[in-house]
Amino acid sequence: MYICRHQMRELRMRNDNSIGFVDPYIVFKAPQAVWTADHETEVCTNLMRFFVNQKEKQKILFPFNFE
């Protein structure tokens, strides 16, 4: 996740707006142990909001830690 945040900062400093990032901490707000239908709906809504807000980007990256 550090590399992604570093890349986001570099792009912001260069004023390069061609790449968008989805923040997994915003998309998955609730703890994973409490997965309910309401939580699933909220995740879909948050993810769609990111995609709509970044529809003009050439690439949208979804950083995730697979440890």
PDB file of N, CA and C in Angstrom:
ATOM      1  N   MET A   1       0.822  -1.194   0.000  1.00  0.00           N
ATOM      2  CA  MET A   1       0.000   0.000   0.000  1.00  0.00           C
ATOM      3  C   MET A   1       0.865   1.256   0.000  1.00  0.00           C
ATOM      4  N   TYR A   2       2.055   1.159   0.611  1.00  0.00           N
ATOM      5  CA  TYR A   2       2.954   2.314   0.645  1.00  0.00           C
ATOM      6  C   TYR A   2       3.354   2.738  -0.766  1.00  0.00           C
ATOM      7  N   ILE A   3       3.649   1.763  -1.613  1.00  0.00           N
ATOM      8  CA  ILE A   3       4.070   2.076  -2.985  1.00  0.00           C
ATOM      9  C   ILE A   3       2.962   2.819  -3.725  1.00  0.00           C
ATOM     10  N   CYS A   4       1.739   2.388  -3.508  1.00  0.00           N
ATOM     11  CA  CYS A   4       0.610   3.039  -4.176  1.00  0.00           C
ATOM     12  C   CYS A   4       0.451   4.485  -3.692  1.00  0.00           C
ATOM     13  N   ARG A   5       0.535   4.686  -2.375  1.00  0.00           N
ATOM     14  CA  ARG A   5       0.422   6.053  -1.844  1.00  0.00           C
ATOM     15  C   ARG A   5       1.567   6.931  -2.349  1.00  0.00           C
ATOM     16  N   HIS A   6       2.744   6.348  -2.474  1.00  0.00           N
ATOM     17  CA  HIS A   6       3.888   7.072  -3.018  1.00  0.00           C
ATOM     18  C   HIS A   6       3.623   7.453  -4.475  1.00  0.00           C
ATOM     19  N   GLN A   7       3.089   6.532  -5.244  1.00  0.00           N
ATOM     20  CA  GLN A   7       2.774   6.797  -6.652  1.00  0.00           C
ATOM     21  C   GLN A   7       1.702   7.880  -6.765  1.00  0.00           C
ATOM     22  N   MET A   8       0.696   7.833  -5.904  1.00  0.00           N
ATOM     23  CA  MET A   8      -0.354   8.852  -5.912  1.00  0.00           C
ATOM     24  C   MET A   8       0.257  10.230  -5.646  1.00  0.00           C
ATOM     25  N   ARG A   9       1.168  10.298  -4.687  1.00  0.00           N
ATOM     26  CA  ARG A   9       1.815  11.563  -4.345  1.00  0.00           C
ATOM     27  C   ARG A   9       2.645  12.086  -5.516  1.00  0.00           C
ATOM     28  N   GLU A  10       3.405  11.198  -6.154  1.00  0.00           N
ATOM     29  CA  GLU A  10       4.218  11.606  -7.311  1.00  0.00           C
ATOM     30  C   GLU A  10       3.353  12.153  -8.435  1.00  0.00           C
ATOM     31  N   LEU A  11       2.256  11.469  -8.728  1.00  0.00           N
ATOM     32  CA  LEU A  11       1.376  11.934  -9.796  1.00  0.00           C
ATOM     33  C   LEU A  11       0.759  13.287  -9.452  1.00  0.00           C
ATOM     34  N   ARG A  12       0.390  13.469  -8.190  1.00  0.00           N
ATOM     35  CA  ARG A  12      -0.172  14.741  -7.758  1.00  0.00           C
ATOM     36  C   ARG A  12       0.849  15.863  -7.913  1.00  0.00           C
ATOM     37  N   MET A  13       2.118  15.583  -7.567  1.00  0.00           N
ATOM     38  CA  MET A  13       3.172  16.603  -7.680  1.00  0.00           C
ATOM     39  C   MET A  13       3.430  16.965  -9.135  1.00  0.00           C
ATOM     40  N   ARG A  14       3.319  15.984 -10.046  1.00  0.00           N
ATOM     41  CA  ARG A  14       3.515  16.245 -11.476  1.00  0.00           C
ATOM     42  C   ARG A  14       2.258  16.788 -12.139  1.00  0.00           C
ATOM     43  N   ASN A  15       1.176  16.875 -11.384  1.00  0.00           N
ATOM     44  CA  ASN A  15      -0.121  17.321 -11.884  1.00  0.00           C
ATOM     45  C   ASN A  15      -0.605  16.417 -13.025  1.00  0.00           C
ATOM     46  N   ASP A  16      -0.352  15.125 -12.879  1.00  0.00           N
ATOM     47  CA  ASP A  16      -0.775  14.121 -13.852  1.00  0.00           C
ATOM     48  C   ASP A  16      -2.101  13.524 -13.382  1.00  0.00           C
ATOM     49  N   ASN A  17      -3.161  13.796 -14.105  1.00  0.00           N
ATOM     50  CA  ASN A  17      -4.491  13.342 -13.714  1.00  0.00           C
ATOM     51  C   ASN A  17      -5.009  12.200 -14.579  1.00  0.00           C
ATOM     52  N   SER A  18      -4.103  11.490 -15.252  1.00  0.00           N
ATOM     53  CA  SER A  18      -4.542  10.440 -16.162  1.00  0.00           C
ATOM     54  C   SER A  18      -4.816   9.104 -15.466  1.00  0.00           C
ATOM     55  N   ILE A  19      -4.332   8.949 -14.227  1.00  0.00           N
ATOM     56  CA  ILE A  19      -4.508   7.696 -13.500  1.00  0.00           C
ATOM     57  C   ILE A  19      -5.301   7.969 -12.230  1.00  0.00           C
ATOM     58  N   GLY A  20      -6.338   7.152 -12.027  1.00  0.00           N
ATOM     59  CA  GLY A  20      -7.140   7.272 -10.818  1.00  0.00           C
ATOM     60  C   GLY A  20      -6.889   6.099  -9.888  1.00  0.00           C
ATOM     61  N   PHE A  21      -7.154   6.289  -8.617  1.00  0.00           N
ATOM     62  CA  PHE A  21      -6.948   5.244  -7.622  1.00  0.00           C
ATOM     63  C   PHE A  21      -8.226   5.041  -6.826  1.00  0.00           C
ATOM     64  N   VAL A  22      -8.547   3.789  -6.558  1.00  0.00           N
ATOM     65  CA  VAL A  22      -9.668   3.446  -5.691  1.00  0.00           C
ATOM     66  C   VAL A  22      -9.086   3.162  -4.314  1.00  0.00           C
ATOM     67  N   ASP A  23      -9.602   3.812  -3.291  1.00  0.00           N
ATOM     68  CA  ASP A  23      -9.100   3.628  -1.932  1.00  0.00           C
ATOM     69  C   ASP A  23      -9.850   2.479  -1.266  1.00  0.00           C
ATOM     70  N   PRO A  24      -9.185   1.343  -1.021  1.00  0.00           N
ATOM     71  CA  PRO A  24      -9.882   0.195  -0.427  1.00  0.00           C
ATOM     72  C   PRO A  24     -10.365   0.459   0.994  1.00  0.00           C
ATOM     73  N   TYR A  25      -9.737   1.411   1.689  1.00  0.00           N
ATOM     74  CA  TYR A  25     -10.184   1.733   3.046  1.00  0.00           C
ATOM     75  C   TYR A  25     -11.542   2.435   3.026  1.00  0.00           C
ATOM     76  N   ILE A  26     -11.840   3.140   1.957  1.00  0.00           N
ATOM     77  CA  ILE A  26     -13.149   3.787   1.817  1.00  0.00           C
ATOM     78  C   ILE A  26     -14.177   2.779   1.307  1.00  0.00           C
ATOM     79  N   VAL A  27     -13.795   1.964   0.351  1.00  0.00           N
ATOM     80  CA  VAL A  27     -14.734   0.999  -0.233  1.00  0.00           C
ATOM     81  C   VAL A  27     -15.186  -0.014   0.809  1.00  0.00           C
ATOM     82  N   PHE A  28     -14.239  -0.575   1.561  1.00  0.00           N
ATOM     83  CA  PHE A  28     -14.555  -1.585   2.582  1.00  0.00           C
ATOM     84  C   PHE A  28     -14.472  -0.946   3.958  1.00  0.00           C
ATOM     85  N   LYS A  29     -15.463  -0.163   4.354  1.00  0.00           N
ATOM     86  CA  LYS A  29     -15.426   0.562   5.623  1.00  0.00           C
ATOM     87  C   LYS A  29     -15.609  -0.347   6.836  1.00  0.00           C
ATOM     88  N   ALA A  30     -16.542  -1.273   6.775  1.00  0.00           N
ATOM     89  CA  ALA A  30     -16.859  -2.112   7.938  1.00  0.00           C
ATOM     90  C   ALA A  30     -15.845  -3.247   8.063  1.00  0.00           C
ATOM     91  N   PRO A  31     -15.668  -3.780   9.265  1.00  0.00           N
ATOM     92  CA  PRO A  31     -14.770  -4.929   9.428  1.00  0.00           C
ATOM     93  C   PRO A  31     -15.263  -6.137   8.629  1.00  0.00           C
ATOM     94  N   GLN A  32     -14.339  -6.926   8.145  1.00  0.00           N
ATOM     95  CA  GLN A  32     -14.694  -8.087   7.321  1.00  0.00           C
ATOM     96  C   GLN A  32     -15.507  -9.120   8.088  1.00  0.00           C
ATOM     97  N   ALA A  33     -15.354  -9.185   9.412  1.00  0.00           N
ATOM     98  CA  ALA A  33     -16.060 -10.196  10.208  1.00  0.00           C
ATOM     99  C   ALA A  33     -17.555  -9.927  10.271  1.00  0.00           C
ATOM    100  N   VAL A  34     -17.971  -8.718   9.916  1.00  0.00           N
ATOM    101  CA  VAL A  34     -19.383  -8.334  10.024  1.00  0.00           C
ATOM    102  C   VAL A  34     -19.972  -8.177   8.623  1.00  0.00           C
ATOM    103  N   TRP A  35     -19.785  -9.150   7.787  1.00  0.00           N
ATOM    104  CA  TRP A  35     -20.256  -9.059   6.398  1.00  0.00           C
ATOM    105  C   TRP A  35     -21.747  -9.364   6.340  1.00  0.00           C
ATOM    106  N   THR A  36     -22.547  -8.372   5.955  1.00  0.00           N
ATOM    107  CA  THR A  36     -23.993  -8.535   5.846  1.00  0.00           C
ATOM    108  C   THR A  36     -24.438  -8.059   4.478  1.00  0.00           C
ATOM    109  N   ALA A  37     -25.715  -8.250   4.192  1.00  0.00           N
ATOM    110  CA  ALA A  37     -26.266  -7.779   2.912  1.00  0.00           C
ATOM    111  C   ALA A  37     -26.190  -6.260   2.825  1.00  0.00           C
ATOM    112  N   ASP A  38     -26.406  -5.580   3.954  1.00  0.00           N
ATOM    113  CA  ASP A  38     -26.298  -4.121   3.954  1.00  0.00           C
ATOM    114  C   ASP A  38     -24.874  -3.672   3.646  1.00  0.00           C
ATOM    115  N   HIS A  39     -23.913  -4.387   4.197  1.00  0.00           N
ATOM    116  CA  HIS A  39     -22.512  -4.059   3.943  1.00  0.00           C
ATOM    117  C   HIS A  39     -22.169  -4.280   2.469  1.00  0.00           C
ATOM    118  N   GLU A  40     -22.687  -5.339   1.897  1.00  0.00           N
ATOM    119  CA  GLU A  40     -22.443  -5.617   0.478  1.00  0.00           C
ATOM    120  C   GLU A  40     -22.996  -4.493  -0.393  1.00  0.00           C
ATOM    121  N   THR A  41     -24.172  -4.006  -0.070  1.00  0.00           N
ATOM    122  CA  THR A  41     -24.778  -2.902  -0.812  1.00  0.00           C
ATOM    123  C   THR A  41     -23.937  -1.642  -0.677  1.00  0.00           C
ATOM    124  N   GLU A  42     -23.430  -1.372   0.528  1.00  0.00           N
ATOM    125  CA  GLU A  42     -22.607  -0.191   0.751  1.00  0.00           C
ATOM    126  C   GLU A  42     -21.301  -0.277  -0.032  1.00  0.00           C
ATOM    127  N   VAL A  43     -20.696  -1.458  -0.080  1.00  0.00           N
ATOM    128  CA  VAL A  43     -19.455  -1.644  -0.833  1.00  0.00           C
ATOM    129  C   VAL A  43     -19.696  -1.385  -2.321  1.00  0.00           C
ATOM    130  N   CYS A  44     -20.771  -1.919  -2.850  1.00  0.00           N
ATOM    131  CA  CYS A  44     -21.101  -1.700  -4.272  1.00  0.00           C
ATOM    132  C   CYS A  44     -21.334  -0.217  -4.555  1.00  0.00           C
ATOM    133  N   THR A  45     -22.024   0.454  -3.655  1.00  0.00           N
ATOM    134  CA  THR A  45     -22.288   1.887  -3.821  1.00  0.00           C
ATOM    135  C   THR A  45     -20.988   2.686  -3.789  1.00  0.00           C
ATOM    136  N   ASN A  46     -20.122   2.377  -2.827  1.00  0.00           N
ATOM    137  CA  ASN A  46     -18.842   3.091  -2.725  1.00  0.00           C
ATOM    138  C   ASN A  46     -17.968   2.859  -3.948  1.00  0.00           C
ATOM    139  N   LEU A  47     -17.923   1.619  -4.413  1.00  0.00           N
ATOM    140  CA  LEU A  47     -17.113   1.293  -5.582  1.00  0.00           C
ATOM    141  C   LEU A  47     -17.651   1.994  -6.835  1.00  0.00           C
ATOM    142  N   MET A  48     -18.952   2.006  -6.999  1.00  0.00           N
ATOM    143  CA  MET A  48     -19.551   2.683  -8.148  1.00  0.00           C
ATOM    144  C   MET A  48     -19.272   4.184  -8.098  1.00  0.00           C
ATOM    145  N   ARG A  49     -19.301   4.758  -6.893  1.00  0.00           N
ATOM    146  CA  ARG A  49     -19.013   6.187  -6.748  1.00  0.00           C
ATOM    147  C   ARG A  49     -17.591   6.495  -7.214  1.00  0.00           C
ATOM    148  N   PHE A  50     -16.623   5.641  -6.842  1.00  0.00           N
ATOM    149  CA  PHE A  50     -15.251   5.841  -7.301  1.00  0.00           C
ATOM    150  C   PHE A  50     -15.172   5.765  -8.827  1.00  0.00           C
ATOM    151  N   PHE A  51     -15.825   4.781  -9.420  1.00  0.00           N
ATOM    152  CA  PHE A  51     -15.764   4.634 -10.879  1.00  0.00           C
ATOM    153  C   PHE A  51     -16.424   5.809 -11.600  1.00  0.00           C
ATOM    154  N   VAL A  52     -17.539   6.275 -11.104  1.00  0.00           N
ATOM    155  CA  VAL A  52     -18.225   7.411 -11.735  1.00  0.00           C
ATOM    156  C   VAL A  52     -17.384   8.678 -11.612  1.00  0.00           C
ATOM    157  N   ASN A  53     -16.792   8.899 -10.439  1.00  0.00           N
ATOM    158  CA  ASN A  53     -15.974  10.104 -10.232  1.00  0.00           C
ATOM    159  C   ASN A  53     -14.710  10.090 -11.081  1.00  0.00           C
ATOM    160  N   GLN A  54     -14.253   8.903 -11.474  1.00  0.00           N
ATOM    161  CA  GLN A  54     -13.000   8.803 -12.216  1.00  0.00           C
ATOM    162  C   GLN A  54     -13.193   8.283 -13.636  1.00  0.00           C
ATOM    163  N   LYS A  55     -14.359   8.504 -14.189  1.00  0.00           N
ATOM    164  CA  LYS A  55     -14.670   7.961 -15.513  1.00  0.00           C
ATOM    165  C   LYS A  55     -13.804   8.548 -16.621  1.00  0.00           C
ATOM    166  N   GLU A  56     -13.212   9.714 -16.424  1.00  0.00           N
ATOM    167  CA  GLU A  56     -12.379  10.345 -17.446  1.00  0.00           C
ATOM    168  C   GLU A  56     -10.927   9.869 -17.400  1.00  0.00           C
ATOM    169  N   LYS A  57     -10.560   9.070 -16.438  1.00  0.00           N
ATOM    170  CA  LYS A  57      -9.174   8.617 -16.285  1.00  0.00           C
ATOM    171  C   LYS A  57      -8.844   7.546 -17.326  1.00  0.00           C
ATOM    172  N   GLN A  58      -7.584   7.500 -17.746  1.00  0.00           N
ATOM    173  CA  GLN A  58      -7.141   6.468 -18.678  1.00  0.00           C
ATOM    174  C   GLN A  58      -7.042   5.119 -17.980  1.00  0.00           C
ATOM    175  N   LYS A  59      -6.608   5.129 -16.721  1.00  0.00           N
ATOM    176  CA  LYS A  59      -6.479   3.908 -15.929  1.00  0.00           C
ATOM    177  C   LYS A  59      -7.005   4.181 -14.532  1.00  0.00           C
ATOM    178  N   ILE A  60      -7.629   3.169 -13.935  1.00  0.00           N
ATOM    179  CA  ILE A  60      -8.062   3.247 -12.547  1.00  0.00           C
ATOM    180  C   ILE A  60      -7.437   2.055 -11.831  1.00  0.00           C
ATOM    181  N   LEU A  61      -6.588   2.334 -10.849  1.00  0.00           N
ATOM    182  CA  LEU A  61      -5.878   1.287 -10.131  1.00  0.00           C
ATOM    183  C   LEU A  61      -6.568   1.004  -8.806  1.00  0.00           C
ATOM    184  N   PHE A  62      -6.618  -0.271  -8.454  1.00  0.00           N
ATOM    185  CA  PHE A  62      -7.215  -0.712  -7.208  1.00  0.00           C
ATOM    186  C   PHE A  62      -6.113  -1.347  -6.376  1.00  0.00           C
ATOM    187  N   PRO A  63      -5.455  -0.572  -5.514  1.00  0.00           N
ATOM    188  CA  PRO A  63      -4.360  -1.127  -4.727  1.00  0.00           C
ATOM    189  C   PRO A  63      -4.881  -2.111  -3.681  1.00  0.00           C
ATOM    190  N   PHE A  64      -4.204  -3.223  -3.556  1.00  0.00           N
ATOM    191  CA  PHE A  64      -4.638  -4.215  -2.590  1.00  0.00           C
ATOM    192  C   PHE A  64      -3.428  -4.977  -2.114  1.00  0.00           C
ATOM    193  N   ASN A  65      -3.407  -5.326  -0.848  1.00  0.00           N
ATOM    194  CA  ASN A  65      -2.290  -6.042  -0.259  1.00  0.00           C
ATOM    195  C   ASN A  65      -2.662  -7.517  -0.159  1.00  0.00           C
ATOM    196  N   PHE A  66      -1.969  -8.383  -0.887  1.00  0.00           N
ATOM    197  CA  PHE A  66      -2.276  -9.806  -0.917  1.00  0.00           C
ATOM    198  C   PHE A  66      -1.298 -10.599  -0.056  1.00  0.00           C
ATOM    199  N   GLU A  67      -1.107 -10.184   1.184  1.00  0.00           N
ATOM    200  CA  GLU A  67      -0.185 -10.903   2.072  1.00  0.00           C
ATOM    201  C   GLU A  67      -0.894 -12.022   2.775  1.00  0.00           C
TER     202      GLU A  67
END
